[in-house]
């Protein structure tokens, strides 16, 4: 009888300041992790967001797929040739620098990749697309 191995899915973290002292932490929502376990029957592993993104190829060797969750921060506009955001806009440089190379690596390998919300935006940008900042303010 063949044994079944659950797929291991990488979930890139976001940097979020937590606690009274607003200490930066690598985070992923509990609901996201629980949903992956329940509905995808996989083993999700959180990938730390690093400004000096790790060796993408070696990292991808460990996973069967990547899940890109949403997040409250926006992808920095220099990644898609747009003007800088106002200073009060929330961004996540470390996640940007981790996720964009991971996406390109997944595409090269034909590795399963699923994005939700910000994750779809990251996929678009990694493949050369652009975004409208505050799309609700764009005419049309």
C-alpha atoms as a PDB file:
ATOM      1  CA  UNK A   1       0.000   0.000   0.000  1.00  0.00           C
ATOM      2  CA  UNK A   2       1.460   3.355  -1.057  1.00  0.00           C
ATOM      3  CA  UNK A   3       1.834   5.965   1.640  1.00  0.00           C
ATOM      4  CA  UNK A   4       0.408   9.430   1.211  1.00  0.00           C
ATOM      5  CA  UNK A   5       2.527  12.478   1.977  1.00  0.00           C
ATOM      6  CA  UNK A   6       0.698  15.716   2.588  1.00  0.00           C
ATOM      7  CA  UNK A   7       1.996  18.547   0.401  1.00  0.00           C
ATOM      8  CA  UNK A   8       4.131  21.148   2.140  1.00  0.00           C
ATOM      9  CA  UNK A   9       2.972  24.657   1.255  1.00  0.00           C
ATOM     10  CA  UNK A  10       5.088  27.742   1.876  1.00  0.00           C
ATOM     11  CA  UNK A  11       3.230  30.749   3.236  1.00  0.00           C
ATOM     12  CA  UNK A  12       5.299  33.959   3.116  1.00  0.00           C
ATOM     13  CA  UNK A  13       4.906  36.019   6.271  1.00  0.00           C
ATOM     14  CA  UNK A  14       4.108  39.688   6.536  1.00  0.00           C
ATOM     15  CA  UNK A  15       5.893  41.961   8.970  1.00  0.00           C
ATOM     16  CA  UNK A  16       3.458  43.278  11.545  1.00  0.00           C
ATOM     17  CA  UNK A  17       4.218  45.263  14.673  1.00  0.00           C
ATOM     18  CA  UNK A  18       2.633  43.466  17.615  1.00  0.00           C
ATOM     19  CA  UNK A  19       2.135  44.024  21.300  1.00  0.00           C
ATOM     20  CA  UNK A  20       2.321  47.066  23.490  1.00  0.00           C
ATOM     21  CA  UNK A  21       5.858  47.854  22.318  1.00  0.00           C
ATOM     22  CA  UNK A  22       4.997  47.362  18.625  1.00  0.00           C
ATOM     23  CA  UNK A  23       7.734  44.774  18.092  1.00  0.00           C
ATOM     24  CA  UNK A  24       8.090  43.705  14.420  1.00  0.00           C
ATOM     25  CA  UNK A  25       7.098  40.050  13.945  1.00  0.00           C
ATOM     26  CA  UNK A  26       6.826  37.609  11.045  1.00  0.00           C
ATOM     27  CA  UNK A  27       3.106  36.851  10.888  1.00  0.00           C
ATOM     28  CA  UNK A  28       0.459  34.947   9.009  1.00  0.00           C
ATOM     29  CA  UNK A  29      -3.187  34.889  10.021  1.00  0.00           C
ATOM     30  CA  UNK A  30      -4.427  31.924  12.048  1.00  0.00           C
ATOM     31  CA  UNK A  31      -7.472  31.685   9.789  1.00  0.00           C
ATOM     32  CA  UNK A  32      -5.188  31.337   6.738  1.00  0.00           C
ATOM     33  CA  UNK A  33      -3.118  28.545   8.272  1.00  0.00           C
ATOM     34  CA  UNK A  34      -6.199  26.751   9.635  1.00  0.00           C
ATOM     35  CA  UNK A  35      -7.929  26.955   6.231  1.00  0.00           C
ATOM     36  CA  UNK A  36      -4.923  25.487   4.439  1.00  0.00           C
ATOM     37  CA  UNK A  37      -4.788  22.579   6.896  1.00  0.00           C
ATOM     38  CA  UNK A  38      -8.537  21.949   6.754  1.00  0.00           C
ATOM     39  CA  UNK A  39      -9.372  22.506   3.094  1.00  0.00           C
ATOM     40  CA  UNK A  40      -6.099  21.804   1.278  1.00  0.00           C
ATOM     41  CA  UNK A  41      -5.056  18.935   3.576  1.00  0.00           C
ATOM     42  CA  UNK A  42      -1.499  20.219   3.544  1.00  0.00           C
ATOM     43  CA  UNK A  43       1.272  21.188   5.928  1.00  0.00           C
ATOM     44  CA  UNK A  44       1.682  24.976   5.774  1.00  0.00           C
ATOM     45  CA  UNK A  45       5.063  26.403   6.757  1.00  0.00           C
ATOM     46  CA  UNK A  46       5.571  30.113   7.280  1.00  0.00           C
ATOM     47  CA  UNK A  47       8.424  31.653   5.284  1.00  0.00           C
ATOM     48  CA  UNK A  48      10.021  34.591   7.129  1.00  0.00           C
ATOM     49  CA  UNK A  49       9.949  37.904   5.264  1.00  0.00           C
ATOM     50  CA  UNK A  50      13.544  39.024   4.836  1.00  0.00           C
ATOM     51  CA  UNK A  51      14.899  42.221   3.287  1.00  0.00           C
ATOM     52  CA  UNK A  52      17.871  40.223   1.995  1.00  0.00           C
ATOM     53  CA  UNK A  53      15.693  37.424   0.639  1.00  0.00           C
ATOM     54  CA  UNK A  54      17.194  33.998   1.075  1.00  0.00           C
ATOM     55  CA  UNK A  55      18.383  31.802  -1.772  1.00  0.00           C
ATOM     56  CA  UNK A  56      15.100  31.390  -3.626  1.00  0.00           C
ATOM     57  CA  UNK A  57      16.021  28.150  -5.374  1.00  0.00           C
ATOM     58  CA  UNK A  58      17.049  26.365  -2.172  1.00  0.00           C
ATOM     59  CA  UNK A  59      13.944  27.625  -0.421  1.00  0.00           C
ATOM     60  CA  UNK A  60      11.596  26.449  -3.170  1.00  0.00           C
ATOM     61  CA  UNK A  61      13.227  22.996  -3.063  1.00  0.00           C
ATOM     62  CA  UNK A  62      11.532  22.504   0.323  1.00  0.00           C
ATOM     63  CA  UNK A  63       7.966  23.118  -0.858  1.00  0.00           C
ATOM     64  CA  UNK A  64       5.326  21.567  -3.081  1.00  0.00           C
ATOM     65  CA  UNK A  65       3.629  24.924  -3.634  1.00  0.00           C
ATOM     66  CA  UNK A  66       3.352  28.501  -2.386  1.00  0.00           C
ATOM     67  CA  UNK A  67       0.283  30.292  -1.032  1.00  0.00           C
ATOM     68  CA  UNK A  68       0.363  34.106  -1.097  1.00  0.00           C
ATOM     69  CA  UNK A  69      -2.072  35.550   1.408  1.00  0.00           C
ATOM     70  CA  UNK A  70      -3.448  39.036   1.608  1.00  0.00           C
ATOM     71  CA  UNK A  71      -2.128  41.670   3.941  1.00  0.00           C
ATOM     72  CA  UNK A  72      -2.768  45.193   5.079  1.00  0.00           C
ATOM     73  CA  UNK A  73       0.376  46.627   3.475  1.00  0.00           C
ATOM     74  CA  UNK A  74       0.707  47.660  -0.165  1.00  0.00           C
ATOM     75  CA  UNK A  75       3.480  46.534  -2.494  1.00  0.00           C
ATOM     76  CA  UNK A  76       5.987  49.367  -2.820  1.00  0.00           C
ATOM     77  CA  UNK A  77       5.332  51.278  -6.047  1.00  0.00           C
ATOM     78  CA  UNK A  78       8.935  51.248  -7.291  1.00  0.00           C
ATOM     79  CA  UNK A  79       8.403  47.542  -8.074  1.00  0.00           C
ATOM     80  CA  UNK A  80       5.963  48.488 -10.843  1.00  0.00           C
ATOM     81  CA  UNK A  81       7.257  51.892 -11.942  1.00  0.00           C
ATOM     82  CA  UNK A  82       4.753  54.075 -10.091  1.00  0.00           C
ATOM     83  CA  UNK A  83       5.226  57.264  -8.078  1.00  0.00           C
ATOM     84  CA  UNK A  84       6.127  56.900  -4.387  1.00  0.00           C
ATOM     85  CA  UNK A  85       3.281  56.555  -1.919  1.00  0.00           C
ATOM     86  CA  UNK A  86       2.453  59.236   0.637  1.00  0.00           C
ATOM     87  CA  UNK A  87       4.584  58.783   3.794  1.00  0.00           C
ATOM     88  CA  UNK A  88       1.649  57.432   5.826  1.00  0.00           C
ATOM     89  CA  UNK A  89       1.011  54.510   3.439  1.00  0.00           C
ATOM     90  CA  UNK A  90       1.721  51.078   4.928  1.00  0.00           C
ATOM     91  CA  UNK A  91       4.243  48.981   2.983  1.00  0.00           C
ATOM     92  CA  UNK A  92       6.176  45.787   3.755  1.00  0.00           C
ATOM     93  CA  UNK A  93       9.623  45.958   2.148  1.00  0.00           C
ATOM     94  CA  UNK A  94      10.732  42.638   3.607  1.00  0.00           C
ATOM     95  CA  UNK A  95       7.717  40.786   2.225  1.00  0.00           C
ATOM     96  CA  UNK A  96       8.158  42.447  -1.183  1.00  0.00           C
ATOM     97  CA  UNK A  97      11.802  41.375  -1.300  1.00  0.00           C
ATOM     98  CA  UNK A  98      10.936  37.820  -0.293  1.00  0.00           C
ATOM     99  CA  UNK A  99       7.802  37.183  -2.324  1.00  0.00           C
ATOM    100  CA  UNK A 100       8.605  38.692  -5.725  1.00  0.00           C
ATOM    101  CA  UNK A 101      11.612  36.378  -6.311  1.00  0.00           C
ATOM    102  CA  UNK A 102       9.607  33.403  -4.969  1.00  0.00           C
ATOM    103  CA  UNK A 103       6.879  34.037  -7.525  1.00  0.00           C
ATOM    104  CA  UNK A 104       9.361  34.180 -10.389  1.00  0.00           C
ATOM    105  CA  UNK A 105      10.942  30.962  -9.113  1.00  0.00           C
ATOM    106  CA  UNK A 106       7.558  29.230  -8.958  1.00  0.00           C
ATOM    107  CA  UNK A 107       6.765  30.282 -12.519  1.00  0.00           C
ATOM    108  CA  UNK A 108      10.146  29.010 -13.777  1.00  0.00           C
ATOM    109  CA  UNK A 109       9.609  25.656 -12.051  1.00  0.00           C
ATOM    110  CA  UNK A 110       5.912  25.439 -12.933  1.00  0.00           C
ATOM    111  CA  UNK A 111       5.324  25.054  -9.189  1.00  0.00           C
ATOM    112  CA  UNK A 112       1.766  25.492  -7.891  1.00  0.00           C
ATOM    113  CA  UNK A 113       1.166  29.068  -6.769  1.00  0.00           C
ATOM    114  CA  UNK A 114      -2.036  30.590  -5.415  1.00  0.00           C
ATOM    115  CA  UNK A 115      -2.562  34.218  -4.462  1.00  0.00           C
ATOM    116  CA  UNK A 116      -5.377  35.965  -2.629  1.00  0.00           C
ATOM    117  CA  UNK A 117      -5.820  39.750  -2.489  1.00  0.00           C
ATOM    118  CA  UNK A 118      -2.292  41.185  -2.049  1.00  0.00           C
ATOM    119  CA  UNK A 119      -0.961  37.831  -3.276  1.00  0.00           C
ATOM    120  CA  UNK A 120      -2.629  38.340  -6.665  1.00  0.00           C
ATOM    121  CA  UNK A 121      -1.185  41.855  -6.832  1.00  0.00           C
ATOM    122  CA  UNK A 122       2.276  40.439  -6.081  1.00  0.00           C
ATOM    123  CA  UNK A 123       1.887  37.876  -8.860  1.00  0.00           C
ATOM    124  CA  UNK A 124       0.857  40.615 -11.287  1.00  0.00           C
ATOM    125  CA  UNK A 125       3.858  42.777 -10.373  1.00  0.00           C
ATOM    126  CA  UNK A 126       6.337  39.877 -10.457  1.00  0.00           C
ATOM    127  CA  UNK A 127       5.253  39.174 -14.032  1.00  0.00           C
ATOM    128  CA  UNK A 128       5.716  42.796 -15.126  1.00  0.00           C
ATOM    129  CA  UNK A 129       2.239  44.179 -14.478  1.00  0.00           C
ATOM    130  CA  UNK A 130       1.241  47.414 -12.780  1.00  0.00           C
ATOM    131  CA  UNK A 131      -1.346  48.505 -10.234  1.00  0.00           C
ATOM    132  CA  UNK A 132      -3.595  51.476  -9.723  1.00  0.00           C
ATOM    133  CA  UNK A 133      -3.006  53.025  -6.325  1.00  0.00           C
ATOM    134  CA  UNK A 134      -6.374  53.626  -4.647  1.00  0.00           C
ATOM    135  CA  UNK A 135      -8.298  52.151  -7.549  1.00  0.00           C
ATOM    136  CA  UNK A 136     -11.540  53.571  -6.129  1.00  0.00           C
ATOM    137  CA  UNK A 137     -10.239  57.041  -7.057  1.00  0.00           C
ATOM    138  CA  UNK A 138      -9.513  56.118 -10.697  1.00  0.00           C
ATOM    139  CA  UNK A 139     -12.066  57.354 -13.227  1.00  0.00           C
ATOM    140  CA  UNK A 140     -13.935  54.748 -15.221  1.00  0.00           C
END
